[in-house]
Amino acid sequence: MRGEFDYDRNGNPMIKKTKTGEYVDKRGHRVSARGYKLDKDDNVVDHQGRVKFDKTHLEQDGDLPKFYNYNGRRFDITDIVGVVDKDENGQIIPLTDKNGNLTDNYGRRINSKGYLIDDFGNVIDKDGRQIFEKKHLYEDEVPKILPFTKFNVKNVLGDFEMDPLGNPILENVGEGNFKDRVGQRVN
């Protein structure tokens, strides 16, 4: 959803402004002040032009709202994304270090989707604080939990009893997989 930019030495995108006051990326695509691609109606779109965020979901300044992790901690999505070049289709072009690890343009480790990671594959922010554990990722993608996300934990919770210490009683079926008391796979 981000436009294509050159970055300053602090890793911030250098966003251009047209004579009419609109923001554009280096290929001339219309973007928000923070660099998100926009359509003619100010919706955030991906590289194929598909609407990803309706303008009503954006903050007053046109920016994406902060996301939440599973612990309820708020974070800015731009703080967990590495700085990488993209091909003409908008796909990231990661670099590789001498050990074969994917890195961004600043030599920081990233996963296949471009998120900053630690040595264990956990997603971290630019200051090294863990945001998501590796086991919470789906195909290297982080969960997108926003303030307007309608979520009731009872809709996704398995059927189990708790032990006296408050831990769920689950059947360990091996290889890090668990089932609840009715046989549903749970984490």
Protein backbone atom coordinates (compact mmCIF):
# COMPACT_ATOMS: atom_id res chain seq x y z
CA MET A 1 0.00 0.00 0.00
CA ARG A 2 3.03 2.28 0.30
CA GLY A 3 4.25 4.28 -2.62
CA GLU A 4 7.78 3.97 -3.91
CA PHE A 5 10.27 6.38 -2.41
CA ASP A 6 13.88 7.16 -1.87
CA TYR A 7 14.68 7.25 1.85
CA ASP A 8 16.75 9.66 3.91
CA ARG A 9 19.51 8.37 6.16
CA ASN A 10 17.04 7.99 9.05
CA GLY A 11 14.88 5.63 7.00
CA ASN A 12 12.10 8.16 6.38
CA PRO A 13 10.52 8.28 2.91
CA MET A 14 11.20 11.43 0.89
CA ILE A 15 7.67 12.27 -0.25
CA LYS A 16 7.33 14.82 -3.05
CA LYS A 17 4.64 17.47 -3.32
CA THR A 18 3.17 18.70 -6.62
CA LYS A 19 2.50 22.35 -7.47
CA THR A 20 -1.17 21.71 -6.64
CA GLY A 21 -0.22 20.50 -3.14
CA GLU A 22 -0.82 16.77 -3.68
CA TYR A 23 1.70 14.25 -2.40
CA VAL A 24 3.22 11.78 -4.88
CA ASP A 25 5.76 8.98 -4.81
CA LYS A 26 8.79 8.87 -7.08
CA ARG A 27 6.72 7.33 -9.90
CA GLY A 28 4.09 10.06 -9.69
CA HIS A 29 1.39 7.98 -7.94
CA ARG A 30 -0.83 9.97 -5.60
CA VAL A 31 -0.08 9.21 -1.93
CA SER A 32 -1.02 10.46 1.54
CA ALA A 33 1.30 12.64 3.60
CA ARG A 34 2.67 9.43 5.17
CA GLY A 35 3.18 7.70 1.81
CA TYR A 36 0.14 5.43 1.41
CA LYS A 37 -1.19 5.05 -2.14
CA LEU A 38 -4.53 6.78 -2.70
CA ASP A 39 -7.23 6.47 -5.33
CA LYS A 40 -9.27 9.41 -6.67
CA ASP A 41 -11.66 9.15 -3.68
CA ASP A 42 -8.84 9.21 -1.06
CA ASN A 43 -9.16 5.51 -0.21
CA VAL A 44 -5.91 3.67 0.52
CA VAL A 45 -5.19 1.18 -2.27
CA ASP A 46 -2.63 -1.51 -2.99
CA HIS A 47 -0.35 -1.67 -6.02
CA GLN A 48 -3.14 -3.21 -8.12
CA GLY A 49 -5.51 -0.35 -7.24
CA ARG A 50 -7.71 -2.45 -4.93
CA VAL A 51 -9.16 -0.53 -1.98
CA LYS A 52 -7.58 -1.73 1.27
CA PHE A 53 -8.84 1.02 3.61
CA ASP A 54 -11.90 3.13 3.02
CA LYS A 55 -11.22 6.80 3.70
CA THR A 56 -13.71 6.67 6.59
CA HIS A 57 -11.33 4.30 8.40
CA LEU A 58 -8.43 6.73 8.23
CA GLU A 59 -7.40 9.25 10.87
CA GLN A 60 -8.35 12.90 10.39
CA ASP A 61 -4.96 13.62 8.81
CA GLY A 62 -5.52 10.80 6.27
CA ASP A 63 -3.10 8.42 7.96
CA LEU A 64 -3.78 4.82 8.91
CA PRO A 65 -4.75 4.35 12.54
CA LYS A 66 -2.28 2.59 14.82
CA PHE A 67 -2.56 -1.18 14.96
CA TYR A 68 -2.79 -3.40 18.04
CA ASN A 69 -0.86 -6.53 18.88
CA TYR A 70 -2.35 -9.43 20.84
CA ASN A 71 -1.32 -7.80 24.13
CA GLY A 72 -3.30 -4.66 23.30
CA ARG A 73 -0.16 -2.59 22.68
CA ARG A 74 -0.52 0.01 19.94
CA PHE A 75 2.12 0.33 17.24
CA ASP A 76 2.61 2.16 13.97
CA ILE A 77 2.85 -0.23 11.03
CA THR A 78 5.72 1.79 9.55
CA ASP A 79 7.81 1.02 12.66
CA ILE A 80 7.88 -2.72 11.88
CA VAL A 81 8.46 -2.59 8.12
CA GLY A 82 11.98 -2.67 6.69
CA VAL A 83 13.17 -0.32 3.96
CA VAL A 84 13.36 -2.30 0.70
CA ASP A 85 13.21 -1.62 -3.00
CA LYS A 86 10.26 -2.91 -5.01
CA ASP A 87 9.90 -4.25 -8.51
CA GLU A 88 7.47 -2.82 -11.09
CA ASN A 89 4.67 -5.00 -9.62
CA GLY A 90 5.18 -3.63 -6.11
CA GLN A 91 6.83 -6.82 -4.80
CA ILE A 92 9.68 -6.29 -2.34
CA ILE A 93 13.26 -6.98 -3.37
CA PRO A 94 15.04 -8.00 -0.16
CA LEU A 95 18.79 -8.19 0.13
CA THR A 96 20.65 -11.20 1.57
CA ASP A 97 23.45 -11.09 4.13
CA LYS A 98 26.52 -13.35 4.20
CA ASN A 99 24.58 -15.94 6.24
CA GLY A 100 21.70 -16.11 3.76
CA ASN A 101 19.27 -14.07 5.90
CA LEU A 102 16.93 -11.60 4.23
CA THR A 103 17.76 -7.98 5.06
CA ASP A 104 16.42 -4.54 4.24
CA ASN A 105 18.50 -1.79 2.64
CA TYR A 106 19.97 -0.92 6.05
CA GLY A 107 21.13 -4.47 6.80
CA ARG A 108 18.36 -5.20 9.31
CA ARG A 109 16.89 -8.72 9.25
CA ILE A 110 13.45 -9.02 7.66
CA ASN A 111 11.10 -11.87 6.86
CA SER A 112 9.69 -12.69 3.42
CA LYS A 113 6.99 -10.00 3.75
CA GLY A 114 9.49 -7.27 4.71
CA TYR A 115 8.78 -7.07 8.45
CA LEU A 116 11.72 -6.46 10.79
CA ILE A 117 12.54 -9.60 12.76
CA ASP A 118 14.88 -10.72 15.54
CA ASP A 119 17.10 -13.83 15.44
CA PHE A 120 14.10 -16.03 16.32
CA GLY A 121 11.77 -14.69 13.60
CA ASN A 122 9.66 -12.58 15.98
CA VAL A 123 8.48 -9.29 14.46
CA ILE A 124 10.12 -6.32 16.15
CA ASP A 125 9.88 -2.56 15.78
CA LYS A 126 12.74 -0.32 14.68
CA ASP A 127 13.85 -0.02 18.33
CA GLY A 128 14.09 -3.82 18.72
CA ARG A 129 10.95 -4.27 20.86
CA GLN A 130 9.01 -7.45 20.11
CA ILE A 131 5.57 -6.74 18.61
CA PHE A 132 4.47 -10.24 17.48
CA GLU A 133 5.86 -13.67 18.21
CA LYS A 134 6.74 -15.73 15.15
CA LYS A 135 3.99 -18.24 16.02
CA HIS A 136 1.39 -15.45 15.63
CA LEU A 137 2.31 -14.81 11.99
CA TYR A 138 0.45 -16.38 9.09
CA GLU A 139 2.75 -16.93 6.11
CA ASP A 140 5.08 -14.26 7.60
CA GLU A 141 2.23 -11.71 7.71
CA VAL A 142 1.28 -9.92 10.95
CA PRO A 143 -2.32 -9.80 12.19
CA LYS A 144 -4.05 -6.50 11.36
CA ILE A 145 -5.97 -5.50 14.48
CA LEU A 146 -7.34 -1.96 14.25
CA PRO A 147 -9.40 0.21 16.62
CA PHE A 148 -12.55 -0.41 14.57
CA THR A 149 -12.01 -4.18 14.38
CA LYS A 150 -15.07 -5.96 15.75
CA PHE A 151 -13.73 -8.83 17.78
CA ASN A 152 -15.23 -11.07 20.43
CA VAL A 153 -12.75 -13.53 21.90
CA LYS A 154 -15.57 -16.00 22.60
CA ASN A 155 -15.98 -16.43 18.82
CA VAL A 156 -12.46 -17.84 18.45
CA LEU A 157 -11.85 -19.48 21.81
CA GLY A 158 -11.72 -23.27 22.00
CA ASP A 159 -13.79 -25.41 24.37
CA PHE A 160 -11.62 -26.20 27.40
CA GLU A 161 -11.44 -26.17 31.17
CA MET A 162 -8.90 -24.24 33.23
CA ASP A 163 -6.49 -25.72 35.77
CA PRO A 164 -6.25 -24.17 39.27
CA LEU A 165 -3.52 -21.77 38.05
CA GLY A 166 -5.73 -20.41 35.25
CA ASN A 167 -4.05 -22.26 32.37
CA PRO A 168 -6.17 -24.00 29.72
CA ILE A 169 -6.26 -27.80 29.87
CA LEU A 170 -5.47 -28.94 26.32
CA GLU A 171 -4.44 -32.17 24.63
CA ASN A 172 -0.90 -32.00 23.23
CA VAL A 173 -0.98 -33.79 19.86
CA GLY A 174 2.72 -33.21 19.13
CA GLU A 175 4.82 -30.85 17.03
CA GLY A 176 3.51 -27.84 18.97
CA ASN A 177 -0.13 -28.57 18.13
CA PHE A 178 -2.96 -28.76 20.65
CA LYS A 179 -6.64 -29.75 20.66
CA ASP A 180 -9.41 -28.65 23.00
CA ARG A 181 -11.79 -31.10 24.69
CA VAL A 182 -14.00 -31.42 21.59
CA GLY A 183 -11.07 -32.08 19.24
CA GLN A 184 -10.73 -28.63 17.67
CA ARG A 185 -7.18 -27.48 16.90
CA VAL A 186 -6.15 -24.60 19.17
CA ASN A 187 -2.95 -22.73 20.01
